[in-house]
Structure formats: structure tokens, C-alpha cells
């Protein structure tokens, strides 16, 4: 087996993944259930409105979670993903986000190990700082045991 024969299935997978112009919105629109919904104008409007509402709720929840420890950005991207199934602007924004996250990841992986460690430490320090400030502003919850070294 030549190297081109081995690489062919991977290239076909990349093509079918939608990176070559076949967008997420188009893939959803081509589904048989979506075509049945689109055939009924009132149902289609309600569906698009529902997708918009659910997507924005997820997006707003993620935006609220960004400064807190946890997966805030992941929730925002999930909300964009939901919106991108129906709206072109959300699909463009999701592609923009994916491009920049990939470029950041590529840049970080090219850095020496000490620089990656410093980025990790800075991120951990920021998350710890946000946690301390949020606990200071809101108070330590009662469900945290007394032996945990936090002020009350």
C-alpha cells in the first residue's frame, strides 16, 4: 500500500467533515426531518425562533460563566454551535472563533515548555483570583465544611 492510498481515507473524512464548503447549516438543512419542518412555513418559523431562543439562552449562560471557574467559553461556543445550525451570522462567528482558537493553540504548542508552564500558572492564578474575589463578594456557602481554609 502506498502512502497516497493510506492517506486517501483521511482526506475523504476531512472532506465529509464540512471543512470544504459544506457548512453545518447546510448539513442540517439537508436532513430529511429538517426538510419536512421547512416545508411548513409556520412550523419553520417557530423552529427557527426556538433555535434562536435556546441558542441565546445557552450563549448568555456561557457569557455569565466566563469570569467564574468552569467551562464558560465552552458553553459560549456551544451556544454558537446551536445558533449556527440555523443562522449564517452565527456560523461565520463560530468559524472565526474556531480559527482563532486553533491559531492560539498552535502558537502555545510552538512555545518552549517553560513558557507553556508560565501560561498555565498565569491561568491558574487568574482562576484562583476570580474564585477568591467571588467568594469574598458573595460569602462562603454554608455547605463548605468548616475545616476548609477560607474566611467566613
Protein backbone atom coordinates (compact mmCIF):
# COMPACT_ATOMS: atom_id res chain seq x y z
CA UNK A 1 0.00 0.00 0.00
CA UNK A 2 1.44 3.36 -0.99
CA UNK A 3 1.36 6.42 1.22
CA UNK A 4 -1.24 8.07 -1.00
CA UNK A 5 -3.56 5.07 -0.60
CA UNK A 6 -3.16 5.22 3.18
CA UNK A 7 -3.87 8.97 3.23
CA UNK A 8 -6.95 8.76 0.99
CA UNK A 9 -9.48 7.74 3.71
CA UNK A 10 -8.29 10.58 5.96
CA UNK A 11 -8.73 13.06 3.13
CA UNK A 12 -12.23 11.73 2.49
CA UNK A 13 -13.05 12.12 6.18
CA UNK A 14 -11.80 15.70 6.16
CA UNK A 15 -13.93 16.41 3.09
CA UNK A 16 -17.03 14.91 4.68
CA UNK A 17 -16.45 16.86 7.90
CA UNK A 18 -17.69 20.03 6.23
CA UNK A 19 -14.42 21.92 6.00
CA UNK A 20 -14.64 22.34 2.23
CA UNK A 21 -17.74 24.49 1.88
CA UNK A 22 -20.46 22.14 3.13
CA UNK A 23 -21.46 24.05 6.22
CA UNK A 24 -23.14 22.89 9.40
CA UNK A 25 -26.27 24.84 8.48
CA UNK A 26 -26.36 23.16 5.07
CA UNK A 27 -25.88 19.71 6.59
CA UNK A 28 -28.78 20.31 9.00
CA UNK A 29 -30.92 21.72 6.17
CA UNK A 30 -30.31 18.58 4.10
CA UNK A 31 -31.61 16.28 6.83
CA UNK A 32 -35.00 14.77 5.97
CA UNK A 33 -36.63 15.87 9.24
CA UNK A 34 -35.45 19.45 8.66
CA UNK A 35 -36.83 19.47 5.13
CA UNK A 36 -40.23 18.36 6.48
CA UNK A 37 -40.15 21.19 9.02
CA UNK A 38 -39.07 23.71 6.36
CA UNK A 39 -41.98 22.70 4.12
CA UNK A 40 -44.44 24.04 6.70
CA UNK A 41 -43.88 27.82 6.93
CA UNK A 42 -45.44 28.42 10.39
CA UNK A 43 -43.63 25.40 11.83
CA UNK A 44 -40.37 26.52 10.21
CA UNK A 45 -40.69 30.00 11.74
CA UNK A 46 -41.44 28.51 15.15
CA UNK A 47 -38.50 26.12 14.84
CA UNK A 48 -36.07 28.89 13.86
CA UNK A 49 -37.39 31.06 16.69
CA UNK A 50 -36.98 28.19 19.14
CA UNK A 51 -33.43 27.54 17.98
CA UNK A 52 -32.70 31.26 18.36
CA UNK A 53 -34.12 31.40 21.88
CA UNK A 54 -32.37 28.22 23.05
CA UNK A 55 -29.08 29.31 21.43
CA UNK A 56 -29.19 32.74 23.04
CA UNK A 57 -30.04 31.29 26.46
CA UNK A 58 -27.01 28.99 26.20
CA UNK A 59 -24.88 31.89 24.93
CA UNK A 60 -25.94 34.22 27.75
CA UNK A 61 -25.41 31.49 30.35
CA UNK A 62 -21.92 30.91 28.99
CA UNK A 63 -21.14 34.63 28.96
CA UNK A 64 -22.22 34.83 32.60
CA UNK A 65 -19.98 31.85 33.44
CA UNK A 66 -16.85 33.23 31.72
CA UNK A 67 -15.44 35.05 34.76
CA UNK A 68 -16.24 32.14 37.06
CA UNK A 69 -14.19 28.97 37.33
CA UNK A 70 -15.61 26.46 34.92
CA UNK A 71 -16.35 25.96 31.24
CA UNK A 72 -17.71 29.43 30.40
CA UNK A 73 -16.10 29.68 26.97
CA UNK A 74 -17.09 26.13 26.13
CA UNK A 75 -20.73 26.99 26.91
CA UNK A 76 -20.49 30.12 24.72
CA UNK A 77 -19.13 28.03 21.84
CA UNK A 78 -21.93 25.50 22.42
CA UNK A 79 -24.48 28.31 22.15
CA UNK A 80 -22.87 29.47 18.91
CA UNK A 81 -22.99 25.90 17.65
CA UNK A 82 -26.75 25.72 18.31
CA UNK A 83 -27.31 29.08 16.62
CA UNK A 84 -25.08 28.11 13.67
CA UNK A 85 -27.44 25.29 12.75
CA UNK A 86 -29.93 27.91 11.52
CA UNK A 87 -28.25 31.33 11.23
CA UNK A 88 -25.47 32.30 8.82
CA UNK A 89 -24.07 35.06 11.06
CA UNK A 90 -23.60 32.57 13.92
CA UNK A 91 -21.92 30.13 11.58
CA UNK A 92 -19.45 32.83 10.46
CA UNK A 93 -18.78 33.79 14.08
CA UNK A 94 -18.24 30.13 15.02
CA UNK A 95 -15.76 29.70 12.14
CA UNK A 96 -13.96 32.90 13.22
CA UNK A 97 -13.76 31.55 16.78
CA UNK A 98 -12.51 28.14 15.67
CA UNK A 99 -9.83 29.77 13.51
CA UNK A 100 -8.55 31.94 16.35
CA UNK A 101 -8.64 29.16 18.95
CA UNK A 102 -6.65 26.97 16.57
CA UNK A 103 -4.09 29.71 15.94
CA UNK A 104 -3.73 30.30 19.72
CA UNK A 105 -3.34 26.57 20.34
CA UNK A 106 -0.77 26.27 17.57
CA UNK A 107 1.16 29.26 18.97
CA UNK A 108 1.17 27.83 22.50
CA UNK A 109 2.36 24.41 21.34
CA UNK A 110 5.29 26.03 19.49
CA UNK A 111 6.49 27.69 22.70
CA UNK A 112 9.14 26.13 24.92
CA UNK A 113 7.96 24.11 27.89
CA UNK A 114 8.82 26.86 30.39
CA UNK A 115 6.62 29.35 28.50
CA UNK A 116 3.72 26.87 28.42
CA UNK A 117 4.18 26.30 32.15
CA UNK A 118 4.07 30.06 32.76
CA UNK A 119 0.87 30.36 30.70
CA UNK A 120 -0.65 27.52 32.74
CA UNK A 121 0.42 29.11 36.03
CA UNK A 122 -0.94 32.50 34.97
CA UNK A 123 -4.24 30.90 34.02
CA UNK A 124 -4.44 29.01 37.33
CA UNK A 125 -3.61 32.20 39.27
CA UNK A 126 -6.32 34.11 37.41
CA UNK A 127 -8.94 31.42 38.10
CA UNK A 128 -7.90 31.30 41.77
CA UNK A 129 -8.14 35.10 41.98
CA UNK A 130 -11.62 35.09 40.46
CA UNK A 131 -12.67 32.37 42.90
CA UNK A 132 -11.33 34.28 45.92
CA UNK A 133 -12.93 37.56 44.83
CA UNK A 134 -16.28 35.91 44.09
CA UNK A 135 -16.24 34.14 47.47
CA UNK A 136 -15.29 37.40 49.17
CA UNK A 137 -18.13 39.29 47.48
CA UNK A 138 -20.82 36.63 47.83
CA UNK A 139 -19.66 34.94 51.02
CA UNK A 140 -18.58 31.40 51.58
CA UNK A 141 -21.51 28.99 51.10
CA UNK A 142 -22.73 27.12 54.18
CA UNK A 143 -22.26 23.75 52.50
CA UNK A 144 -18.44 24.14 52.55
CA UNK A 145 -17.05 22.33 55.64
CA UNK A 146 -15.50 24.41 58.42
CA UNK A 147 -12.09 22.77 58.01
CA UNK A 148 -11.67 24.32 54.51
CA UNK A 149 -9.23 27.23 54.97
CA UNK A 150 -11.46 30.06 53.72
CA UNK A 151 -12.65 33.07 55.64
CA UNK A 152 -16.26 33.12 56.81
